[in-house]
Amino acid sequence: MTGQLSPDALMRAVVMLIVASAVGTIVEQKQAYLDQVAEKNRALSDANEKLRAVRAQLVDSLEACETAKRK
């Protein structure tokens, strides 16, 4: 069979293309999810920093109130 493609070889090639396409799609989707998680983590970090600053202000205010009550 020189110069001809066997049906088995064609089927293997088609299956390999389908598998490669599926794997590529999965990898792209995984990367998209990872990007979303990274963005959410950045947003949560920003929110945590703001909350720490507000908490520090509240602690300072509470200490000032306690000091004022003692006087």
PDB file of N, CA and C in Angstrom:
ATOM      1  N   MET A   1       0.812  -1.199   0.000  1.00  0.00           N
ATOM      2  CA  MET A   1       0.000   0.000   0.000  1.00  0.00           C
ATOM      3  C   MET A   1       0.855   1.261   0.000  1.00  0.00           C
ATOM      4  N   THR A   2       1.605   1.464  -0.925  1.00  0.00           N
ATOM      5  CA  THR A   2       2.404   2.681  -0.973  1.00  0.00           C
ATOM      6  C   THR A   2       1.587   3.795  -1.604  1.00  0.00           C
ATOM      7  N   GLY A   3       1.675   4.960  -0.975  1.00  0.00           N
ATOM      8  CA  GLY A   3       0.983   6.129  -1.508  1.00  0.00           C
ATOM      9  C   GLY A   3      -0.472   6.227  -1.096  1.00  0.00           C
ATOM     10  N   GLN A   4      -0.989   5.297  -0.353  1.00  0.00           N
ATOM     11  CA  GLN A   4      -2.382   5.345   0.077  1.00  0.00           C
ATOM     12  C   GLN A   4      -2.452   5.396   1.605  1.00  0.00           C
ATOM     13  N   LEU A   5      -3.473   6.062   2.080  1.00  0.00           N
ATOM     14  CA  LEU A   5      -3.711   6.115   3.525  1.00  0.00           C
ATOM     15  C   LEU A   5      -4.745   5.060   3.890  1.00  0.00           C
ATOM     16  N   SER A   6      -4.448   4.282   4.887  1.00  0.00           N
ATOM     17  CA  SER A   6      -5.409   3.270   5.322  1.00  0.00           C
ATOM     18  C   SER A   6      -6.489   3.932   6.171  1.00  0.00           C
ATOM     19  N   PRO A   7      -7.662   3.354   6.186  1.00  0.00           N
ATOM     20  CA  PRO A   7      -8.735   3.912   7.031  1.00  0.00           C
ATOM     21  C   PRO A   7      -8.348   3.956   8.507  1.00  0.00           C
ATOM     22  N   ASP A   8      -7.576   2.982   8.964  1.00  0.00           N
ATOM     23  CA  ASP A   8      -7.131   2.999  10.361  1.00  0.00           C
ATOM     24  C   ASP A   8      -6.254   4.211  10.653  1.00  0.00           C
ATOM     25  N   ALA A   9      -5.352   4.504   9.730  1.00  0.00           N
ATOM     26  CA  ALA A   9      -4.467   5.655   9.921  1.00  0.00           C
ATOM     27  C   ALA A   9      -5.271   6.951   9.931  1.00  0.00           C
ATOM     28  N   LEU A  10      -6.252   7.054   9.053  1.00  0.00           N
ATOM     29  CA  LEU A  10      -7.102   8.247   9.027  1.00  0.00           C
ATOM     30  C   LEU A  10      -7.906   8.371  10.317  1.00  0.00           C
ATOM     31  N   MET A  11      -8.434   7.262  10.820  1.00  0.00           N
ATOM     32  CA  MET A  11      -9.188   7.305  12.070  1.00  0.00           C
ATOM     33  C   MET A  11      -8.309   7.720  13.239  1.00  0.00           C
ATOM     34  N   ARG A  12      -7.098   7.187  13.291  1.00  0.00           N
ATOM     35  CA  ARG A  12      -6.175   7.583  14.365  1.00  0.00           C
ATOM     36  C   ARG A  12      -5.863   9.069  14.283  1.00  0.00           C
ATOM     37  N   ALA A  13      -5.674   9.571  13.072  1.00  0.00           N
ATOM     38  CA  ALA A  13      -5.387  10.997  12.902  1.00  0.00           C
ATOM     39  C   ALA A  13      -6.567  11.846  13.347  1.00  0.00           C
ATOM     40  N   VAL A  14      -7.783  11.430  12.992  1.00  0.00           N
ATOM     41  CA  VAL A  14      -8.974  12.182  13.398  1.00  0.00           C
ATOM     42  C   VAL A  14      -9.120  12.159  14.915  1.00  0.00           C
ATOM     43  N   VAL A  15      -8.928  10.991  15.516  1.00  0.00           N
ATOM     44  CA  VAL A  15      -9.032  10.882  16.972  1.00  0.00           C
ATOM     45  C   VAL A  15      -7.976  11.761  17.643  1.00  0.00           C
ATOM     46  N   MET A  16      -6.769  11.769  17.109  1.00  0.00           N
ATOM     47  CA  MET A  16      -5.710  12.608  17.699  1.00  0.00           C
ATOM     48  C   MET A  16      -6.069  14.085  17.596  1.00  0.00           C
ATOM     49  N   LEU A  17      -6.652  14.504  16.480  1.00  0.00           N
ATOM     50  CA  LEU A  17      -7.077  15.894  16.332  1.00  0.00           C
ATOM     51  C   LEU A  17      -8.174  16.255  17.318  1.00  0.00           C
ATOM     52  N   ILE A  18      -9.115  15.337  17.509  1.00  0.00           N
ATOM     53  CA  ILE A  18     -10.199  15.591  18.458  1.00  0.00           C
ATOM     54  C   ILE A  18      -9.644  15.704  19.877  1.00  0.00           C
ATOM     55  N   VAL A  19      -8.755  14.801  20.239  1.00  0.00           N
ATOM     56  CA  VAL A  19      -8.162  14.835  21.581  1.00  0.00           C
ATOM     57  C   VAL A  19      -7.348  16.114  21.767  1.00  0.00           C
ATOM     58  N   ALA A  20      -6.559  16.483  20.764  1.00  0.00           N
ATOM     59  CA  ALA A  20      -5.753  17.707  20.863  1.00  0.00           C
ATOM     60  C   ALA A  20      -6.651  18.931  21.004  1.00  0.00           C
ATOM     61  N   SER A  21      -7.741  18.951  20.274  1.00  0.00           N
ATOM     62  CA  SER A  21      -8.679  20.069  20.376  1.00  0.00           C
ATOM     63  C   SER A  21      -9.310  20.135  21.765  1.00  0.00           C
ATOM     64  N   ALA A  22      -9.711  18.974  22.281  1.00  0.00           N
ATOM     65  CA  ALA A  22     -10.318  18.941  23.621  1.00  0.00           C
ATOM     66  C   ALA A  22      -9.322  19.384  24.683  1.00  0.00           C
ATOM     67  N   VAL A  23      -8.104  18.906  24.597  1.00  0.00           N
ATOM     68  CA  VAL A  23      -7.078  19.285  25.579  1.00  0.00           C
ATOM     69  C   VAL A  23      -6.796  20.782  25.491  1.00  0.00           C
ATOM     70  N   GLY A  24      -6.709  21.306  24.284  1.00  0.00           N
ATOM     71  CA  GLY A  24      -6.481  22.742  24.120  1.00  0.00           C
ATOM     72  C   GLY A  24      -7.590  23.569  24.729  1.00  0.00           C
ATOM     73  N   THR A  25      -8.834  23.139  24.517  1.00  0.00           N
ATOM     74  CA  THR A  25      -9.975  23.848  25.088  1.00  0.00           C
ATOM     75  C   THR A  25      -9.942  23.810  26.611  1.00  0.00           C
ATOM     76  N   ILE A  26      -9.621  22.654  27.159  1.00  0.00           N
ATOM     77  CA  ILE A  26      -9.545  22.521  28.618  1.00  0.00           C
ATOM     78  C   ILE A  26      -8.454  23.417  29.194  1.00  0.00           C
ATOM     79  N   VAL A  27      -7.307  23.461  28.549  1.00  0.00           N
ATOM     80  CA  VAL A  27      -6.204  24.296  29.036  1.00  0.00           C
ATOM     81  C   VAL A  27      -6.588  25.771  28.979  1.00  0.00           C
ATOM     82  N   GLU A  28      -7.232  26.187  27.895  1.00  0.00           N
ATOM     83  CA  GLU A  28      -7.656  27.592  27.792  1.00  0.00           C
ATOM     84  C   GLU A  28      -8.678  27.940  28.872  1.00  0.00           C
ATOM     85  N   GLN A  29      -9.624  27.038  29.119  1.00  0.00           N
ATOM     86  CA  GLN A  29     -10.636  27.282  30.153  1.00  0.00           C
ATOM     87  C   GLN A  29      -9.991  27.335  31.531  1.00  0.00           C
ATOM     88  N   LYS A  30      -9.052  26.449  31.778  1.00  0.00           N
ATOM     89  CA  LYS A  30      -8.344  26.445  33.061  1.00  0.00           C
ATOM     90  C   LYS A  30      -7.618  27.770  33.269  1.00  0.00           C
ATOM     91  N   GLN A  31      -6.959  28.268  32.238  1.00  0.00           N
ATOM     92  CA  GLN A  31      -6.239  29.533  32.351  1.00  0.00           C
ATOM     93  C   GLN A  31      -7.204  30.687  32.613  1.00  0.00           C
ATOM     94  N   ALA A  32      -8.364  30.652  31.962  1.00  0.00           N
ATOM     95  CA  ALA A  32      -9.368  31.687  32.195  1.00  0.00           C
ATOM     96  C   ALA A  32      -9.839  31.660  33.648  1.00  0.00           C
ATOM     97  N   TYR A  33     -10.061  30.456  34.188  1.00  0.00           N
ATOM     98  CA  TYR A  33     -10.466  30.341  35.592  1.00  0.00           C
ATOM     99  C   TYR A  33      -9.361  30.836  36.523  1.00  0.00           C
ATOM    100  N   LEU A  34      -8.124  30.488  36.217  1.00  0.00           N
ATOM    101  CA  LEU A  34      -7.009  30.947  37.048  1.00  0.00           C
ATOM    102  C   LEU A  34      -6.899  32.473  37.024  1.00  0.00           C
ATOM    103  N   ASP A  35      -7.118  33.072  35.872  1.00  0.00           N
ATOM    104  CA  ASP A  35      -7.107  34.533  35.776  1.00  0.00           C
ATOM    105  C   ASP A  35      -8.208  35.150  36.621  1.00  0.00           C
ATOM    106  N   GLN A  36      -9.401  34.523  36.593  1.00  0.00           N
ATOM    107  CA  GLN A  36     -10.507  35.024  37.410  1.00  0.00           C
ATOM    108  C   GLN A  36     -10.183  34.920  38.893  1.00  0.00           C
ATOM    109  N   VAL A  37      -9.611  33.811  39.303  1.00  0.00           N
ATOM    110  CA  VAL A  37      -9.251  33.621  40.713  1.00  0.00           C
ATOM    111  C   VAL A  37      -8.198  34.645  41.131  1.00  0.00           C
ATOM    112  N   ALA A  38      -7.219  34.883  40.273  1.00  0.00           N
ATOM    113  CA  ALA A  38      -6.180  35.868  40.598  1.00  0.00           C
ATOM    114  C   ALA A  38      -6.792  37.254  40.760  1.00  0.00           C
ATOM    115  N   GLU A  39      -7.731  37.610  39.896  1.00  0.00           N
ATOM    116  CA  GLU A  39      -8.390  38.918  39.999  1.00  0.00           C
ATOM    117  C   GLU A  39      -9.196  39.015  41.292  1.00  0.00           C
ATOM    118  N   LYS A  40      -9.921  37.954  41.624  1.00  0.00           N
ATOM    119  CA  LYS A  40     -10.690  37.951  42.878  1.00  0.00           C
ATOM    120  C   LYS A  40      -9.753  38.063  44.083  1.00  0.00           C
ATOM    121  N   ASN A  41      -8.615  37.379  44.040  1.00  0.00           N
ATOM    122  CA  ASN A  41      -7.653  37.464  45.142  1.00  0.00           C
ATOM    123  C   ASN A  41      -7.110  38.878  45.296  1.00  0.00           C
ATOM    124  N   ARG A  42      -6.847  39.543  44.166  1.00  0.00           N
ATOM    125  CA  ARG A  42      -6.383  40.939  44.251  1.00  0.00           C
ATOM    126  C   ARG A  42      -7.447  41.820  44.884  1.00  0.00           C
ATOM    127  N   ALA A  43      -8.703  41.623  44.474  1.00  0.00           N
ATOM    128  CA  ALA A  43      -9.790  42.422  45.036  1.00  0.00           C
ATOM    129  C   ALA A  43      -9.942  42.147  46.531  1.00  0.00           C
ATOM    130  N   LEU A  44      -9.844  40.892  46.934  1.00  0.00           N
ATOM    131  CA  LEU A  44      -9.944  40.560  48.354  1.00  0.00           C
ATOM    132  C   LEU A  44      -8.779  41.128  49.152  1.00  0.00           C
ATOM    133  N   SER A  45      -7.591  41.119  48.575  1.00  0.00           N
ATOM    134  CA  SER A  45      -6.437  41.704  49.263  1.00  0.00           C
ATOM    135  C   SER A  45      -6.635  43.201  49.479  1.00  0.00           C
ATOM    136  N   ASP A  46      -7.146  43.875  48.448  1.00  0.00           N
ATOM    137  CA  ASP A  46      -7.423  45.306  48.584  1.00  0.00           C
ATOM    138  C   ASP A  46      -8.459  45.556  49.678  1.00  0.00           C
ATOM    139  N   ALA A  47      -9.513  44.737  49.689  1.00  0.00           N
ATOM    140  CA  ALA A  47     -10.552  44.901  50.708  1.00  0.00           C
ATOM    141  C   ALA A  47      -9.979  44.645  52.102  1.00  0.00           C
ATOM    142  N   ASN A  48      -9.118  43.629  52.225  1.00  0.00           N
ATOM    143  CA  ASN A  48      -8.511  43.342  53.525  1.00  0.00           C
ATOM    144  C   ASN A  48      -7.641  44.499  54.000  1.00  0.00           C
ATOM    145  N   GLU A  49      -6.889  45.093  53.100  1.00  0.00           N
ATOM    146  CA  GLU A  49      -6.056  46.242  53.484  1.00  0.00           C
ATOM    147  C   GLU A  49      -6.919  47.399  53.969  1.00  0.00           C
ATOM    148  N   LYS A  50      -8.023  47.651  53.269  1.00  0.00           N
ATOM    149  CA  LYS A  50      -8.927  48.731  53.692  1.00  0.00           C
ATOM    150  C   LYS A  50      -9.537  48.419  55.059  1.00  0.00           C
ATOM    151  N   LEU A  51      -9.918  47.160  55.255  1.00  0.00           N
ATOM    152  CA  LEU A  51     -10.497  46.780  56.547  1.00  0.00           C
ATOM    153  C   LEU A  51      -9.472  46.901  57.673  1.00  0.00           C
ATOM    154  N   ARG A  52      -8.233  46.557  57.402  1.00  0.00           N
ATOM    155  CA  ARG A  52      -7.190  46.718  58.430  1.00  0.00           C
ATOM    156  C   ARG A  52      -7.025  48.188  58.811  1.00  0.00           C
ATOM    157  N   ALA A  53      -7.062  49.055  57.801  1.00  0.00           N
ATOM    158  CA  ALA A  53      -6.928  50.490  58.078  1.00  0.00           C
ATOM    159  C   ALA A  53      -8.105  50.998  58.896  1.00  0.00           C
ATOM    160  N   VAL A  54      -9.313  50.567  58.550  1.00  0.00           N
ATOM    161  CA  VAL A  54     -10.507  50.992  59.297  1.00  0.00           C
ATOM    162  C   VAL A  54     -10.447  50.444  60.717  1.00  0.00           C
ATOM    163  N   ARG A  55     -10.017  49.193  60.858  1.00  0.00           N
ATOM    164  CA  ARG A  55      -9.904  48.611  62.191  1.00  0.00           C
ATOM    165  C   ARG A  55      -8.904  49.387  63.045  1.00  0.00           C
ATOM    166  N   ALA A  56      -7.789  49.770  62.459  1.00  0.00           N
ATOM    167  CA  ALA A  56      -6.789  50.542  63.197  1.00  0.00           C
ATOM    168  C   ALA A  56      -7.379  51.873  63.651  1.00  0.00           C
ATOM    169  N   GLN A  57      -8.158  52.504  62.775  1.00  0.00           N
ATOM    170  CA  GLN A  57      -8.800  53.767  63.152  1.00  0.00           C
ATOM    171  C   GLN A  57      -9.790  53.551  64.287  1.00  0.00           C
ATOM    172  N   LEU A  58     -10.541  52.447  64.215  1.00  0.00           N
ATOM    173  CA  LEU A  58     -11.509  52.162  65.282  1.00  0.00           C
ATOM    174  C   LEU A  58     -10.809  51.891  66.607  1.00  0.00           C
ATOM    175  N   VAL A  59      -9.715  51.172  66.564  1.00  0.00           N
ATOM    176  CA  VAL A  59      -8.959  50.914  67.793  1.00  0.00           C
ATOM    177  C   VAL A  59      -8.445  52.229  68.370  1.00  0.00           C
ATOM    178  N   ASP A  60      -7.917  53.084  67.514  1.00  0.00           N
ATOM    179  CA  ASP A  60      -7.430  54.391  67.980  1.00  0.00           C
ATOM    180  C   ASP A  60      -8.565  55.211  68.583  1.00  0.00           C
ATOM    181  N   SER A  61      -9.732  55.186  67.931  1.00  0.00           N
ATOM    182  CA  SER A  61     -10.884  55.937  68.454  1.00  0.00           C
ATOM    183  C   SER A  61     -11.344  55.380  69.792  1.00  0.00           C
ATOM    184  N   LEU A  62     -11.348  54.054  69.897  1.00  0.00           N
ATOM    185  CA  LEU A  62     -11.754  53.431  71.159  1.00  0.00           C
ATOM    186  C   LEU A  62     -10.787  53.807  72.274  1.00  0.00           C
ATOM    187  N   GLU A  63      -9.514  53.792  71.977  1.00  0.00           N
ATOM    188  CA  GLU A  63      -8.526  54.179  72.989  1.00  0.00           C
ATOM    189  C   GLU A  63      -8.698  55.638  73.383  1.00  0.00           C
ATOM    190  N   ALA A  64      -8.994  56.489  72.407  1.00  0.00           N
ATOM    191  CA  ALA A  64      -9.205  57.904  72.712  1.00  0.00           C
ATOM    192  C   ALA A  64     -10.440  58.087  73.583  1.00  0.00           C
ATOM    193  N   CYS A  65     -11.508  57.348  73.300  1.00  0.00           N
ATOM    194  CA  CYS A  65     -12.729  57.429  74.111  1.00  0.00           C
ATOM    195  C   CYS A  65     -12.451  56.957  75.536  1.00  0.00           C
ATOM    196  N   GLU A  66     -11.726  55.859  75.682  1.00  0.00           N
ATOM    197  CA  GLU A  66     -11.392  55.357  77.012  1.00  0.00           C
ATOM    198  C   GLU A  66     -10.558  56.372  77.779  1.00  0.00           C
ATOM    199  N   THR A  67      -9.627  56.964  77.095  1.00  0.00           N
ATOM    200  CA  THR A  67      -8.785  57.975  77.746  1.00  0.00           C
ATOM    201  C   THR A  67      -9.635  59.175  78.174  1.00  0.00           C
ATOM    202  N   ALA A  68     -10.562  59.603  77.307  1.00  0.00           N
ATOM    203  CA  ALA A  68     -11.416  60.746  77.620  1.00  0.00           C
ATOM    204  C   ALA A  68     -12.349  60.423  78.797  1.00  0.00           C
ATOM    205  N   LYS A  69     -12.811  59.189  78.886  1.00  0.00           N
ATOM    206  CA  LYS A  69     -13.701  58.814  79.990  1.00  0.00           C
ATOM    207  C   LYS A  69     -12.980  58.859  81.328  1.00  0.00           C
ATOM    208  N   ARG A  70     -11.691  58.540  81.309  1.00  0.00           N
ATOM    209  CA  ARG A  70     -10.922  58.508  82.549  1.00  0.00           C
ATOM    210  C   ARG A  70     -10.635  59.932  83.079  1.00  0.00           C
ATOM    211  N   LYS A  71     -10.647  60.897  82.215  1.00  0.00           N
ATOM    212  CA  LYS A  71     -10.311  62.269  82.646  1.00  0.00           C
ATOM    213  C   LYS A  71     -11.452  62.980  83.294  1.00  0.00           C
TER     214      LYS A  71
END
